Amino acid sequence: MENSIFHLTILEAGRRFYDGDCVSLVIPSSDGLYGIMAHHTNFFSALATGIVKFTLPDKTVKKASVANGICKVEDGQVLILTDSAELPEEIDIKRAEREAAEAKEEMLRKKSVNEYHLAEAQLARALNRIRLTRYNSDIKRP
C-alpha cells in the first residue's frame, strides 16, 4: 500500500485546503477529467471549474468544488493551486442559487465582453457548487 500513496497539497487563495497522503485524484481540466495515481509522470495542467475527487489511504473519498487554477505533478507529489475550494458541507446552497440567478441576469444585460465572461465564470462556479451539494445530499449517510 505504501507504494500506491502520494502527497497531495491543495492550496486555495487564503487557506491550505488539504495537505496529506492520497491514493488517487481526479481533476477537472479543459480537456475533461484527468486521473492521477502514485508514480504518475510529471506534468502541469490548467484546472477548470469543476469537482476534484480524491481518495485517502483509509479509502475515504473526498469531493470538493474548485474554481480555476493549476495542477502540478512533480517527483511523486501533486500541488493544486485554485481560486476556491469547498467541501459540500461548506456550501450554502441558497447563496449559490442566488449567485447563479444574479450571474444569469448579468449575462443577459449584454455589457462588455469582459463583463459577460466574468458573469459566465461566476455562473459556472455557482452551478458547480449547487451540483456538488445536490449530489452529496442524495447519498445516504450512516
N, C-alpha and C. Protein backbone atom coordinates (compact mmCIF):
# COMPACT_ATOMS: atom_id res chain seq x y z
N MET A 1 0.82 -1.20 0.00
CA MET A 1 0.00 0.00 0.00
C MET A 1 0.86 1.26 0.00
N GLU A 2 2.00 1.24 0.69
CA GLU A 2 2.89 2.40 0.77
C GLU A 2 3.25 2.93 -0.62
N ASN A 3 3.52 2.02 -1.56
CA ASN A 3 3.94 2.43 -2.89
C ASN A 3 2.83 3.09 -3.68
N SER A 4 1.59 2.93 -3.26
CA SER A 4 0.47 3.49 -4.02
C SER A 4 0.00 4.83 -3.44
N ILE A 5 0.77 5.41 -2.54
CA ILE A 5 0.39 6.66 -1.89
C ILE A 5 1.29 7.79 -2.41
N PHE A 6 0.68 8.95 -2.61
CA PHE A 6 1.46 10.14 -2.97
C PHE A 6 0.99 11.30 -2.10
N HIS A 7 1.77 12.36 -2.07
CA HIS A 7 1.42 13.52 -1.26
C HIS A 7 0.63 14.52 -2.11
N LEU A 8 -0.49 14.99 -1.56
CA LEU A 8 -1.35 15.95 -2.24
C LEU A 8 -1.47 17.21 -1.40
N THR A 9 -1.24 18.34 -2.03
CA THR A 9 -1.45 19.63 -1.39
C THR A 9 -2.41 20.43 -2.25
N ILE A 10 -3.49 20.89 -1.64
CA ILE A 10 -4.44 21.76 -2.33
C ILE A 10 -4.44 23.09 -1.60
N LEU A 11 -4.01 24.13 -2.31
CA LEU A 11 -3.97 25.48 -1.74
C LEU A 11 -5.02 26.34 -2.42
N GLU A 12 -5.87 26.88 -1.58
CA GLU A 12 -6.90 27.81 -2.04
C GLU A 12 -6.44 29.21 -1.64
N ALA A 13 -6.82 30.20 -2.39
CA ALA A 13 -6.47 31.56 -2.01
C ALA A 13 -6.93 31.80 -0.57
N GLY A 14 -5.97 32.02 0.31
CA GLY A 14 -6.32 32.31 1.70
C GLY A 14 -6.23 31.15 2.68
N ARG A 15 -6.12 29.91 2.20
CA ARG A 15 -6.01 28.80 3.15
C ARG A 15 -5.45 27.54 2.50
N ARG A 16 -4.92 26.69 3.37
CA ARG A 16 -4.44 25.37 2.95
C ARG A 16 -5.66 24.46 3.06
N PHE A 17 -6.20 24.04 1.93
CA PHE A 17 -7.43 23.25 1.91
C PHE A 17 -7.17 21.80 2.30
N TYR A 18 -6.11 21.20 1.74
CA TYR A 18 -5.74 19.82 2.09
C TYR A 18 -4.24 19.67 1.94
N ASP A 19 -3.65 18.92 2.85
CA ASP A 19 -2.21 18.65 2.80
C ASP A 19 -1.99 17.30 3.45
N GLY A 20 -1.85 16.25 2.64
CA GLY A 20 -1.68 14.93 3.21
C GLY A 20 -1.56 13.86 2.14
N ASP A 21 -1.63 12.61 2.61
CA ASP A 21 -1.50 11.47 1.71
C ASP A 21 -2.76 11.25 0.90
N CYS A 22 -2.56 10.65 -0.26
CA CYS A 22 -3.65 10.42 -1.21
C CYS A 22 -3.34 9.16 -2.00
N VAL A 23 -4.38 8.44 -2.40
CA VAL A 23 -4.22 7.22 -3.20
C VAL A 23 -4.56 7.49 -4.67
N SER A 24 -5.59 8.29 -4.90
CA SER A 24 -5.96 8.64 -6.27
C SER A 24 -6.61 10.01 -6.28
N LEU A 25 -6.54 10.64 -7.45
CA LEU A 25 -7.04 12.00 -7.60
C LEU A 25 -7.63 12.15 -8.99
N VAL A 26 -8.78 12.80 -9.08
CA VAL A 26 -9.38 13.13 -10.38
C VAL A 26 -9.61 14.63 -10.38
N ILE A 27 -9.07 15.29 -11.42
CA ILE A 27 -9.22 16.74 -11.52
C ILE A 27 -9.96 17.12 -12.79
N PRO A 28 -10.70 18.24 -12.75
CA PRO A 28 -11.32 18.73 -13.98
C PRO A 28 -10.32 19.61 -14.74
N SER A 29 -10.17 19.36 -16.02
CA SER A 29 -9.31 20.19 -16.86
C SER A 29 -10.12 20.65 -18.06
N SER A 30 -9.56 21.52 -18.85
CA SER A 30 -10.28 21.99 -20.03
C SER A 30 -10.52 20.87 -21.04
N ASP A 31 -9.72 19.79 -20.94
CA ASP A 31 -9.88 18.64 -21.83
C ASP A 31 -10.78 17.55 -21.25
N GLY A 32 -11.29 17.76 -20.05
CA GLY A 32 -12.12 16.75 -19.39
C GLY A 32 -11.49 16.33 -18.07
N LEU A 33 -11.94 15.21 -17.54
CA LEU A 33 -11.41 14.73 -16.26
C LEU A 33 -10.07 14.06 -16.47
N TYR A 34 -9.19 14.23 -15.50
CA TYR A 34 -7.84 13.69 -15.60
C TYR A 34 -7.53 12.96 -14.30
N GLY A 35 -7.14 11.69 -14.39
CA GLY A 35 -6.84 10.88 -13.22
C GLY A 35 -5.36 10.83 -12.91
N ILE A 36 -5.04 10.85 -11.62
CA ILE A 36 -3.66 10.82 -11.16
C ILE A 36 -3.53 9.78 -10.05
N MET A 37 -2.49 8.97 -10.15
CA MET A 37 -2.18 7.98 -9.11
C MET A 37 -0.69 8.08 -8.78
N ALA A 38 -0.26 7.31 -7.81
CA ALA A 38 1.16 7.32 -7.43
C ALA A 38 2.02 6.98 -8.63
N HIS A 39 3.21 7.53 -8.67
CA HIS A 39 4.20 7.31 -9.72
C HIS A 39 3.78 7.89 -11.07
N HIS A 40 2.85 8.84 -11.04
CA HIS A 40 2.41 9.50 -12.27
C HIS A 40 3.57 10.28 -12.85
N THR A 41 3.62 10.35 -14.14
CA THR A 41 4.66 11.13 -14.80
C THR A 41 4.48 12.62 -14.46
N ASN A 42 5.57 13.36 -14.45
CA ASN A 42 5.50 14.79 -14.17
C ASN A 42 4.69 15.49 -15.25
N PHE A 43 3.83 16.41 -14.81
CA PHE A 43 3.08 17.20 -15.78
C PHE A 43 2.51 18.44 -15.11
N PHE A 44 2.01 19.33 -15.92
CA PHE A 44 1.44 20.60 -15.47
C PHE A 44 0.16 20.80 -16.26
N SER A 45 -0.94 21.18 -15.58
CA SER A 45 -2.22 21.33 -16.28
C SER A 45 -3.03 22.47 -15.69
N ALA A 46 -3.81 23.10 -16.54
CA ALA A 46 -4.79 24.08 -16.06
C ALA A 46 -5.92 23.32 -15.39
N LEU A 47 -6.42 23.86 -14.30
CA LEU A 47 -7.54 23.28 -13.57
C LEU A 47 -8.79 24.07 -13.95
N ALA A 48 -9.81 23.38 -14.41
CA ALA A 48 -11.07 24.03 -14.78
C ALA A 48 -12.02 24.04 -13.58
N THR A 49 -13.01 24.90 -13.62
CA THR A 49 -14.05 24.88 -12.60
C THR A 49 -14.74 23.53 -12.68
N GLY A 50 -14.85 22.86 -11.55
CA GLY A 50 -15.46 21.54 -11.52
C GLY A 50 -15.30 20.90 -10.15
N ILE A 51 -15.33 19.58 -10.14
CA ILE A 51 -15.25 18.83 -8.88
C ILE A 51 -13.97 18.01 -8.86
N VAL A 52 -13.18 18.21 -7.82
CA VAL A 52 -11.98 17.41 -7.57
C VAL A 52 -12.40 16.27 -6.66
N LYS A 53 -11.96 15.06 -7.00
CA LYS A 53 -12.29 13.88 -6.19
C LYS A 53 -10.98 13.21 -5.82
N PHE A 54 -10.76 13.01 -4.50
CA PHE A 54 -9.53 12.34 -4.10
C PHE A 54 -9.82 11.29 -3.03
N THR A 55 -9.08 10.19 -3.12
CA THR A 55 -9.26 9.07 -2.21
C THR A 55 -8.08 9.03 -1.25
N LEU A 56 -8.40 8.96 0.04
CA LEU A 56 -7.39 8.91 1.09
C LEU A 56 -6.95 7.46 1.33
N PRO A 57 -5.83 7.25 1.99
CA PRO A 57 -5.36 5.89 2.25
C PRO A 57 -6.36 5.00 3.00
N ASP A 58 -7.24 5.60 3.82
CA ASP A 58 -8.24 4.80 4.54
C ASP A 58 -9.48 4.54 3.69
N LYS A 59 -9.40 4.83 2.39
CA LYS A 59 -10.45 4.63 1.39
C LYS A 59 -11.58 5.67 1.46
N THR A 60 -11.44 6.68 2.31
CA THR A 60 -12.39 7.79 2.34
C THR A 60 -12.26 8.57 1.04
N VAL A 61 -13.40 8.85 0.42
CA VAL A 61 -13.42 9.64 -0.82
C VAL A 61 -13.90 11.04 -0.48
N LYS A 62 -13.11 12.03 -0.85
CA LYS A 62 -13.45 13.43 -0.62
C LYS A 62 -13.74 14.07 -1.97
N LYS A 63 -14.73 14.95 -1.99
CA LYS A 63 -15.06 15.71 -3.19
C LYS A 63 -15.12 17.18 -2.81
N ALA A 64 -14.63 18.01 -3.71
CA ALA A 64 -14.64 19.45 -3.46
C ALA A 64 -14.93 20.20 -4.75
N SER A 65 -15.68 21.26 -4.61
CA SER A 65 -15.91 22.17 -5.72
C SER A 65 -14.69 23.08 -5.81
N VAL A 66 -14.12 23.19 -7.01
CA VAL A 66 -12.96 24.06 -7.21
C VAL A 66 -13.22 25.02 -8.36
N ALA A 67 -12.57 26.16 -8.28
CA ALA A 67 -12.61 27.11 -9.38
C ALA A 67 -11.31 26.97 -10.16
N ASN A 68 -11.12 27.80 -11.12
CA ASN A 68 -9.94 27.71 -11.97
C ASN A 68 -8.65 27.71 -11.16
N GLY A 69 -7.62 27.12 -11.74
CA GLY A 69 -6.33 27.08 -11.09
C GLY A 69 -5.34 26.27 -11.91
N ILE A 70 -4.36 25.70 -11.22
CA ILE A 70 -3.36 24.87 -11.88
C ILE A 70 -3.09 23.62 -11.04
N CYS A 71 -2.61 22.60 -11.71
CA CYS A 71 -2.22 21.35 -11.04
C CYS A 71 -0.84 20.97 -11.55
N LYS A 72 0.06 20.67 -10.61
CA LYS A 72 1.41 20.27 -10.97
C LYS A 72 1.72 18.93 -10.32
N VAL A 73 2.18 17.99 -11.12
CA VAL A 73 2.66 16.70 -10.61
C VAL A 73 4.16 16.70 -10.84
N GLU A 74 4.90 16.51 -9.75
CA GLU A 74 6.36 16.52 -9.87
C GLU A 74 6.98 15.65 -8.80
N ASP A 75 7.79 14.71 -9.22
CA ASP A 75 8.54 13.84 -8.31
C ASP A 75 7.63 13.17 -7.26
N GLY A 76 6.51 12.66 -7.70
CA GLY A 76 5.62 11.93 -6.81
C GLY A 76 4.78 12.77 -5.90
N GLN A 77 4.74 14.07 -6.11
CA GLN A 77 3.90 14.96 -5.31
C GLN A 77 2.99 15.75 -6.23
N VAL A 78 1.79 16.07 -5.71
CA VAL A 78 0.83 16.83 -6.50
C VAL A 78 0.50 18.11 -5.76
N LEU A 79 0.53 19.21 -6.48
CA LEU A 79 0.19 20.52 -5.94
C LEU A 79 -0.93 21.10 -6.79
N ILE A 80 -2.02 21.49 -6.14
CA ILE A 80 -3.13 22.17 -6.80
C ILE A 80 -3.24 23.56 -6.20
N LEU A 81 -3.23 24.57 -7.06
CA LEU A 81 -3.46 25.96 -6.66
C LEU A 81 -4.78 26.37 -7.29
N THR A 82 -5.73 26.82 -6.49
CA THR A 82 -7.05 27.16 -7.02
C THR A 82 -7.59 28.43 -6.38
N ASP A 83 -8.45 29.11 -7.13
CA ASP A 83 -9.07 30.32 -6.61
C ASP A 83 -9.99 30.02 -5.44
N SER A 84 -10.67 28.88 -5.49
CA SER A 84 -11.54 28.48 -4.37
C SER A 84 -11.69 26.97 -4.34
N ALA A 85 -11.86 26.46 -3.14
CA ALA A 85 -12.10 25.03 -2.93
C ALA A 85 -13.07 24.91 -1.76
N GLU A 86 -14.13 24.12 -1.95
CA GLU A 86 -15.13 23.97 -0.90
C GLU A 86 -15.62 22.54 -0.84
N LEU A 87 -15.74 22.04 0.38
CA LEU A 87 -16.38 20.74 0.61
C LEU A 87 -17.88 20.95 0.56
N PRO A 88 -18.66 19.91 0.28
CA PRO A 88 -20.12 20.07 0.20
C PRO A 88 -20.72 20.71 1.46
N GLU A 89 -20.22 20.32 2.62
CA GLU A 89 -20.79 20.84 3.87
C GLU A 89 -20.44 22.32 4.11
N GLU A 90 -19.52 22.87 3.32
CA GLU A 90 -19.17 24.28 3.45
C GLU A 90 -20.01 25.18 2.54
N ILE A 91 -20.79 24.58 1.67
CA ILE A 91 -21.54 25.34 0.68
C ILE A 91 -22.93 25.69 1.18
N ASP A 92 -23.27 26.97 1.07
CA ASP A 92 -24.61 27.46 1.39
C ASP A 92 -25.40 27.39 0.07
N ILE A 93 -26.28 26.40 -0.05
CA ILE A 93 -26.99 26.15 -1.30
C ILE A 93 -27.86 27.34 -1.72
N LYS A 94 -28.49 27.98 -0.77
CA LYS A 94 -29.36 29.14 -1.10
C LYS A 94 -28.51 30.28 -1.66
N ARG A 95 -27.35 30.51 -1.08
CA ARG A 95 -26.46 31.56 -1.57
C ARG A 95 -25.97 31.21 -2.97
N ALA A 96 -25.62 29.95 -3.20
CA ALA A 96 -25.16 29.52 -4.53
C ALA A 96 -26.27 29.71 -5.57
N GLU A 97 -27.50 29.40 -5.21
CA GLU A 97 -28.63 29.59 -6.13
C GLU A 97 -28.84 31.07 -6.44
N ARG A 98 -28.70 31.93 -5.42
CA ARG A 98 -28.81 33.39 -5.64
C ARG A 98 -27.70 33.87 -6.58
N GLU A 99 -26.47 33.39 -6.33
CA GLU A 99 -25.34 33.78 -7.17
C GLU A 99 -25.54 33.34 -8.62
N ALA A 100 -26.11 32.16 -8.83
CA ALA A 100 -26.38 31.67 -10.18
C ALA A 100 -27.40 32.57 -10.87
N ALA A 101 -28.47 32.92 -10.16
CA ALA A 101 -29.50 33.78 -10.73
C ALA A 101 -28.94 35.16 -11.07
N GLU A 102 -28.12 35.72 -10.18
CA GLU A 102 -27.51 37.03 -10.43
C GLU A 102 -26.58 36.98 -11.63
N ALA A 103 -25.80 35.92 -11.75
CA ALA A 103 -24.88 35.78 -12.88
C ALA A 103 -25.65 35.67 -14.19
N LYS A 104 -26.76 34.94 -14.19
CA LYS A 104 -27.58 34.82 -15.40
C LYS A 104 -28.12 36.20 -15.81
N GLU A 105 -28.56 36.97 -14.83
CA GLU A 105 -29.07 38.31 -15.12
C GLU A 105 -27.97 39.19 -15.71
N GLU A 106 -26.77 39.11 -15.15
CA GLU A 106 -25.64 39.89 -15.66
C GLU A 106 -25.33 39.52 -17.11
N MET A 107 -25.41 38.25 -17.43
CA MET A 107 -25.12 37.81 -18.79
C MET A 107 -26.16 38.36 -19.77
N LEU A 108 -27.41 38.49 -19.32
CA LEU A 108 -28.47 38.99 -20.19
C LEU A 108 -28.38 40.49 -20.43
N ARG A 109 -27.68 41.20 -19.56
CA ARG A 109 -27.57 42.65 -19.70
C ARG A 109 -26.68 43.06 -20.87
N LYS A 110 -25.92 42.12 -21.41
CA LYS A 110 -25.09 42.34 -22.60
C LYS A 110 -24.21 43.58 -22.47
N LYS A 111 -23.43 43.62 -21.43
CA LYS A 111 -22.47 44.71 -21.26
C LYS A 111 -21.24 44.40 -22.10
N SER A 112 -20.08 44.72 -21.62
CA SER A 112 -18.86 44.45 -22.38
C SER A 112 -18.58 42.95 -22.42
N VAL A 113 -17.72 42.57 -23.34
CA VAL A 113 -17.32 41.17 -23.47
C VAL A 113 -16.68 40.68 -22.18
N ASN A 114 -15.83 41.52 -21.58
CA ASN A 114 -15.18 41.14 -20.32
C ASN A 114 -16.18 40.90 -19.21
N GLU A 115 -17.17 41.79 -19.09
CA GLU A 115 -18.19 41.64 -18.05
C GLU A 115 -19.02 40.38 -18.29
N TYR A 116 -19.28 40.08 -19.55
CA TYR A 116 -20.03 38.86 -19.89
C TYR A 116 -19.25 37.63 -19.45
N HIS A 117 -17.95 37.60 -19.77
CA HIS A 117 -17.12 36.44 -19.41
C HIS A 117 -16.98 36.30 -17.90
N LEU A 118 -16.90 37.40 -17.19
CA LEU A 118 -16.84 37.36 -15.73
C LEU A 118 -18.14 36.77 -15.16
N ALA A 119 -19.28 37.21 -15.68
CA ALA A 119 -20.57 36.67 -15.24
C ALA A 119 -20.68 35.20 -15.60
N GLU A 120 -20.17 34.82 -16.77
CA GLU A 120 -20.19 33.43 -17.20
C GLU A 120 -19.37 32.55 -16.24
N ALA A 121 -18.22 33.04 -15.81
CA ALA A 121 -17.37 32.31 -14.85
C ALA A 121 -18.06 32.20 -13.49
N GLN A 122 -18.72 33.28 -13.07
CA GLN A 122 -19.45 33.25 -11.79
C GLN A 122 -20.61 32.26 -11.86
N LEU A 123 -21.28 32.20 -12.99
CA LEU A 123 -22.37 31.24 -13.16
C LEU A 123 -21.83 29.81 -13.10
N ALA A 124 -20.74 29.54 -13.78
CA ALA A 124 -20.15 28.19 -13.78
C ALA A 124 -19.78 27.78 -12.36
N ARG A 125 -19.19 28.68 -11.60
CA ARG A 125 -18.80 28.36 -10.22
C ARG A 125 -20.03 28.08 -9.36
N ALA A 126 -21.06 28.91 -9.48
CA ALA A 126 -22.28 28.72 -8.68
C ALA A 126 -22.97 27.41 -9.03
N LEU A 127 -23.07 27.11 -10.32
CA LEU A 127 -23.72 25.86 -10.73
C LEU A 127 -22.92 24.64 -10.29
N ASN A 128 -21.60 24.75 -10.30
CA ASN A 128 -20.74 23.66 -9.83
C ASN A 128 -20.96 23.41 -8.34
N ARG A 129 -21.06 24.47 -7.56
CA ARG A 129 -21.30 24.34 -6.12
C ARG A 129 -22.66 23.70 -5.86
N ILE A 130 -23.66 24.10 -6.62
CA ILE A 130 -25.01 23.53 -6.47
C ILE A 130 -24.97 22.04 -6.83
N ARG A 131 -24.31 21.70 -7.93
CA ARG A 131 -24.22 20.30 -8.36
C ARG A 131 -23.55 19.43 -7.30
N LEU A 132 -22.45 19.90 -6.72
CA LEU A 132 -21.76 19.12 -5.70
C LEU A 132 -22.63 18.94 -4.47
N THR A 133 -23.31 19.99 -4.04
CA THR A 133 -24.16 19.91 -2.85
C THR A 133 -25.34 18.97 -3.08
N ARG A 134 -25.98 19.08 -4.22
CA ARG A 134 -27.13 18.21 -4.51
C ARG A 134 -26.70 16.76 -4.66
N TYR A 135 -25.58 16.51 -5.30
CA TYR A 135 -25.07 15.15 -5.47
C TYR A 135 -24.82 14.51 -4.11
N ASN A 136 -24.19 15.23 -3.22
CA ASN A 136 -23.87 14.69 -1.90
C ASN A 136 -25.09 14.56 -1.00
N SER A 137 -26.14 15.36 -1.23
CA SER A 137 -27.33 15.24 -0.39
C SER A 137 -28.13 13.99 -0.73
N ASP A 138 -27.90 13.42 -1.94
CA ASP A 138 -28.58 12.18 -2.33
C ASP A 138 -27.95 10.94 -1.72
N ILE A 139 -26.73 11.09 -1.20
CA ILE A 139 -26.02 9.94 -0.64
C ILE A 139 -26.51 9.69 0.79
N LYS A 140 -26.86 8.46 1.07
CA LYS A 140 -27.30 8.10 2.41
C LYS A 140 -26.08 8.04 3.32
N ARG A 141 -26.14 8.74 4.43
CA ARG A 141 -25.02 8.75 5.37
C ARG A 141 -25.35 7.89 6.58
N PRO A 142 -24.33 7.17 7.09
CA PRO A 142 -24.58 6.30 8.25
C PRO A 142 -24.90 7.10 9.49
